[in-house]
Amino acid sequence: MSKLSILSELWEFLKVRKKWWLMPIIIFLVLLGALIVLTQGSALAPFIYAIF
């Protein structure tokens, strides 16, 4: 399965089941994951990991 098919499947699930309350949670998790990945090699990494 490609990443695009997973995203389209998730979108169809949210649309059909009317689970719109999941969208802020998913967006927050994606942004948090991107923050951790992007700051992994920088000087900010110890501060980001200290938050958790």
PDB file of N, CA and C in Angstrom:
ATOM      1  N   MET A   1       0.837  -1.186   0.000  1.00  0.00           N
ATOM      2  CA  MET A   1       0.000   0.000   0.000  1.00  0.00           C
ATOM      3  C   MET A   1       0.879   1.246   0.000  1.00  0.00           C
ATOM      4  N   SER A   2       0.500   2.183  -0.787  1.00  0.00           N
ATOM      5  CA  SER A   2       1.256   3.429  -0.832  1.00  0.00           C
ATOM      6  C   SER A   2       0.711   4.402   0.220  1.00  0.00           C
ATOM      7  N   LYS A   3       1.504   5.418   0.491  1.00  0.00           N
ATOM      8  CA  LYS A   3       1.091   6.421   1.478  1.00  0.00           C
ATOM      9  C   LYS A   3      -0.134   7.186   0.995  1.00  0.00           C
ATOM     10  N   LEU A   4      -0.208   7.373  -0.310  1.00  0.00           N
ATOM     11  CA  LEU A   4      -1.340   8.107  -0.870  1.00  0.00           C
ATOM     12  C   LEU A   4      -2.639   7.327  -0.689  1.00  0.00           C
ATOM     13  N   SER A   5      -2.585   6.020  -0.818  1.00  0.00           N
ATOM     14  CA  SER A   5      -3.806   5.236  -0.641  1.00  0.00           C
ATOM     15  C   SER A   5      -4.258   5.220   0.817  1.00  0.00           C
ATOM     16  N   ILE A   6      -3.307   5.263   1.729  1.00  0.00           N
ATOM     17  CA  ILE A   6      -3.658   5.317   3.148  1.00  0.00           C
ATOM     18  C   ILE A   6      -4.353   6.634   3.463  1.00  0.00           C
ATOM     19  N   LEU A   7      -3.825   7.729   2.911  1.00  0.00           N
ATOM     20  CA  LEU A   7      -4.444   9.032   3.138  1.00  0.00           C
ATOM     21  C   LEU A   7      -5.830   9.112   2.516  1.00  0.00           C
ATOM     22  N   SER A   8      -5.984   8.565   1.313  1.00  0.00           N
ATOM     23  CA  SER A   8      -7.302   8.600   0.676  1.00  0.00           C
ATOM     24  C   SER A   8      -8.296   7.720   1.422  1.00  0.00           C
ATOM     25  N   GLU A   9      -7.822   6.598   1.944  1.00  0.00           N
ATOM     26  CA  GLU A   9      -8.690   5.731   2.734  1.00  0.00           C
ATOM     27  C   GLU A   9      -9.122   6.410   4.035  1.00  0.00           C
ATOM     28  N   LEU A  10      -8.196   7.111   4.669  1.00  0.00           N
ATOM     29  CA  LEU A  10      -8.525   7.861   5.880  1.00  0.00           C
ATOM     30  C   LEU A  10      -9.537   8.956   5.581  1.00  0.00           C
ATOM     31  N   TRP A  11      -9.345   9.672   4.466  1.00  0.00           N
ATOM     32  CA  TRP A  11     -10.277  10.732   4.071  1.00  0.00           C
ATOM     33  C   TRP A  11     -11.673  10.164   3.821  1.00  0.00           C
ATOM     34  N   GLU A  12     -11.763   9.031   3.136  1.00  0.00           N
ATOM     35  CA  GLU A  12     -13.061   8.402   2.883  1.00  0.00           C
ATOM     36  C   GLU A  12     -13.728   7.976   4.191  1.00  0.00           C
ATOM     37  N   PHE A  13     -12.941   7.446   5.121  1.00  0.00           N
ATOM     38  CA  PHE A  13     -13.482   7.052   6.416  1.00  0.00           C
ATOM     39  C   PHE A  13     -14.078   8.249   7.143  1.00  0.00           C
ATOM     40  N   LEU A  14     -13.315   9.358   7.174  1.00  0.00           N
ATOM     41  CA  LEU A  14     -13.801  10.546   7.866  1.00  0.00           C
ATOM     42  C   LEU A  14     -15.054  11.102   7.201  1.00  0.00           C
ATOM     43  N   LYS A  15     -15.098  11.038   5.877  1.00  0.00           N
ATOM     44  CA  LYS A  15     -16.230  11.588   5.143  1.00  0.00           C
ATOM     45  C   LYS A  15     -17.489  10.734   5.324  1.00  0.00           C
ATOM     46  N   VAL A  16     -17.342   9.423   5.241  1.00  0.00           N
ATOM     47  CA  VAL A  16     -18.504   8.532   5.319  1.00  0.00           C
ATOM     48  C   VAL A  16     -19.022   8.425   6.749  1.00  0.00           C
ATOM     49  N   ARG A  17     -18.117   8.265   7.701  1.00  0.00           N
ATOM     50  CA  ARG A  17     -18.517   8.049   9.098  1.00  0.00           C
ATOM     51  C   ARG A  17     -18.781   9.331   9.873  1.00  0.00           C
ATOM     52  N   LYS A  18     -18.506  10.483   9.249  1.00  0.00           N
ATOM     53  CA  LYS A  18     -18.708  11.797   9.891  1.00  0.00           C
ATOM     54  C   LYS A  18     -17.907  11.918  11.189  1.00  0.00           C
ATOM     55  N   LYS A  19     -16.668  11.483  11.142  1.00  0.00           N
ATOM     56  CA  LYS A  19     -15.781  11.545  12.308  1.00  0.00           C
ATOM     57  C   LYS A  19     -14.883  12.775  12.223  1.00  0.00           C
ATOM     58  N   TRP A  20     -15.461  13.936  12.048  1.00  0.00           N
ATOM     59  CA  TRP A  20     -14.695  15.158  11.858  1.00  0.00           C
ATOM     60  C   TRP A  20     -13.926  15.559  13.106  1.00  0.00           C
ATOM     61  N   TRP A  21     -14.313  15.056  14.262  1.00  0.00           N
ATOM     62  CA  TRP A  21     -13.608  15.400  15.487  1.00  0.00           C
ATOM     63  C   TRP A  21     -12.215  14.775  15.527  1.00  0.00           C
ATOM     64  N   LEU A  22     -11.947  13.787  14.671  1.00  0.00           N
ATOM     65  CA  LEU A  22     -10.625  13.178  14.617  1.00  0.00           C
ATOM     66  C   LEU A  22      -9.611  14.049  13.878  1.00  0.00           C
ATOM     67  N   MET A  23     -10.080  14.943  13.033  1.00  0.00           N
ATOM     68  CA  MET A  23      -9.184  15.735  12.197  1.00  0.00           C
ATOM     69  C   MET A  23      -8.207  16.588  13.013  1.00  0.00           C
ATOM     70  N   PRO A  24      -8.623  17.306  14.058  1.00  0.00           N
ATOM     71  CA  PRO A  24      -7.627  18.072  14.834  1.00  0.00           C
ATOM     72  C   PRO A  24      -6.579  17.184  15.504  1.00  0.00           C
ATOM     73  N   ILE A  25      -6.975  16.004  15.936  1.00  0.00           N
ATOM     74  CA  ILE A  25      -6.025  15.080  16.557  1.00  0.00           C
ATOM     75  C   ILE A  25      -5.004  14.614  15.536  1.00  0.00           C
ATOM     76  N   ILE A  26      -5.458  14.273  14.342  1.00  0.00           N
ATOM     77  CA  ILE A  26      -4.557  13.809  13.289  1.00  0.00           C
ATOM     78  C   ILE A  26      -3.607  14.927  12.869  1.00  0.00           C
ATOM     79  N   ILE A  27      -4.121  16.131  12.715  1.00  0.00           N
ATOM     80  CA  ILE A  27      -3.277  17.264  12.328  1.00  0.00           C
ATOM     81  C   ILE A  27      -2.220  17.535  13.394  1.00  0.00           C
ATOM     82  N   PHE A  28      -2.617  17.494  14.653  1.00  0.00           N
ATOM     83  CA  PHE A  28      -1.671  17.719  15.746  1.00  0.00           C
ATOM     84  C   PHE A  28      -0.575  16.652  15.748  1.00  0.00           C
ATOM     85  N   LEU A  29      -0.933  15.391  15.567  1.00  0.00           N
ATOM     86  CA  LEU A  29       0.059  14.320  15.552  1.00  0.00           C
ATOM     87  C   LEU A  29       1.018  14.448  14.379  1.00  0.00           C
ATOM     88  N   VAL A  30       0.492  14.837  13.220  1.00  0.00           N
ATOM     89  CA  VAL A  30       1.354  15.016  12.042  1.00  0.00           C
ATOM     90  C   VAL A  30       2.316  16.179  12.263  1.00  0.00           C
ATOM     91  N   LEU A  31       1.825  17.286  12.793  1.00  0.00           N
ATOM     92  CA  LEU A  31       2.702  18.430  13.056  1.00  0.00           C
ATOM     93  C   LEU A  31       3.753  18.110  14.117  1.00  0.00           C
ATOM     94  N   LEU A  32       3.380  17.395  15.143  1.00  0.00           N
ATOM     95  CA  LEU A  32       4.320  17.011  16.186  1.00  0.00           C
ATOM     96  C   LEU A  32       5.390  16.070  15.629  1.00  0.00           C
ATOM     97  N   GLY A  33       4.976  15.119  14.816  1.00  0.00           N
ATOM     98  CA  GLY A  33       5.932  14.215  14.184  1.00  0.00           C
ATOM     99  C   GLY A  33       6.884  14.951  13.263  1.00  0.00           C
ATOM    100  N   ALA A  34       6.355  15.911  12.499  1.00  0.00           N
ATOM    101  CA  ALA A  34       7.210  16.697  11.610  1.00  0.00           C
ATOM    102  C   ALA A  34       8.196  17.539  12.409  1.00  0.00           C
ATOM    103  N   LEU A  35       7.757  18.101  13.520  1.00  0.00           N
ATOM    104  CA  LEU A  35       8.645  18.893  14.369  1.00  0.00           C
ATOM    105  C   LEU A  35       9.782  18.041  14.904  1.00  0.00           C
ATOM    106  N   ILE A  36       9.491  16.848  15.339  1.00  0.00           N
ATOM    107  CA  ILE A  36      10.529  15.966  15.872  1.00  0.00           C
ATOM    108  C   ILE A  36      11.498  15.536  14.778  1.00  0.00           C
ATOM    109  N   VAL A  37      10.980  15.214  13.606  1.00  0.00           N
ATOM    110  CA  VAL A  37      11.849  14.786  12.508  1.00  0.00           C
ATOM    111  C   VAL A  37      12.725  15.937  12.021  1.00  0.00           C
ATOM    112  N   LEU A  38      12.160  17.120  11.890  1.00  0.00           N
ATOM    113  CA  LEU A  38      12.926  18.250  11.357  1.00  0.00           C
ATOM    114  C   LEU A  38      13.964  18.782  12.334  1.00  0.00           C
ATOM    115  N   THR A  39      13.745  18.641  13.619  1.00  0.00           N
ATOM    116  CA  THR A  39      14.706  19.155  14.602  1.00  0.00           C
ATOM    117  C   THR A  39      15.630  18.070  15.143  1.00  0.00           C
ATOM    118  N   GLN A  40      15.603  16.910  14.557  1.00  0.00           N
ATOM    119  CA  GLN A  40      16.384  15.787  15.062  1.00  0.00           C
ATOM    120  C   GLN A  40      17.882  16.073  15.047  1.00  0.00           C
ATOM    121  N   GLY A  41      18.367  16.703  14.017  1.00  0.00           N
ATOM    122  CA  GLY A  41      19.801  16.939  13.927  1.00  0.00           C
ATOM    123  C   GLY A  41      20.208  18.337  14.328  1.00  0.00           C
ATOM    124  N   SER A  42      19.327  19.115  14.858  1.00  0.00           N
ATOM    125  CA  SER A  42      19.672  20.500  15.170  1.00  0.00           C
ATOM    126  C   SER A  42      19.967  20.677  16.658  1.00  0.00           C
ATOM    127  N   ALA A  43      20.328  21.894  16.997  1.00  0.00           N
ATOM    128  CA  ALA A  43      20.611  22.216  18.395  1.00  0.00           C
ATOM    129  C   ALA A  43      19.338  22.296  19.225  1.00  0.00           C
ATOM    130  N   LEU A  44      18.182  22.343  18.575  1.00  0.00           N
ATOM    131  CA  LEU A  44      16.913  22.411  19.308  1.00  0.00           C
ATOM    132  C   LEU A  44      16.443  21.049  19.820  1.00  0.00           C
ATOM    133  N   ALA A  45      17.028  19.986  19.326  1.00  0.00           N
ATOM    134  CA  ALA A  45      16.566  18.644  19.674  1.00  0.00           C
ATOM    135  C   ALA A  45      16.492  18.386  21.178  1.00  0.00           C
ATOM    136  N   PRO A  46      17.509  18.723  21.975  1.00  0.00           N
ATOM    137  CA  PRO A  46      17.401  18.457  23.424  1.00  0.00           C
ATOM    138  C   PRO A  46      16.237  19.205  24.086  1.00  0.00           C
ATOM    139  N   PHE A  47      15.921  20.393  23.583  1.00  0.00           N
ATOM    140  CA  PHE A  47      14.818  21.155  24.166  1.00  0.00           C
ATOM    141  C   PHE A  47      13.473  20.569  23.794  1.00  0.00           C
ATOM    142  N   ILE A  48      13.346  20.078  22.547  1.00  0.00           N
ATOM    143  CA  ILE A  48      12.093  19.455  22.114  1.00  0.00           C
ATOM    144  C   ILE A  48      11.849  18.180  22.897  1.00  0.00           C
ATOM    145  N   TYR A  49      12.871  17.350  23.047  1.00  0.00           N
ATOM    146  CA  TYR A  49      12.699  16.096  23.759  1.00  0.00           C
ATOM    147  C   TYR A  49      12.491  16.307  25.258  1.00  0.00           C
ATOM    148  N   ALA A  50      12.984  17.408  25.798  1.00  0.00           N
ATOM    149  CA  ALA A  50      12.793  17.696  27.216  1.00  0.00           C
ATOM    150  C   ALA A  50      11.334  18.017  27.535  1.00  0.00           C
ATOM    151  N   ILE A  51      10.590  18.489  26.541  1.00  0.00           N
ATOM    152  CA  ILE A  51       9.173  18.799  26.744  1.00  0.00           C
ATOM    153  C   ILE A  51       8.394  17.544  27.100  1.00  0.00           C
ATOM    154  N   PHE A  52       8.789  16.426  26.495  1.00  0.00           N
ATOM    155  CA  PHE A  52       8.055  15.188  26.688  1.00  0.00           C
ATOM    156  C   PHE A  52       8.726  14.317  27.710  1.00  0.00           C
TER     157      PHE A  52
END
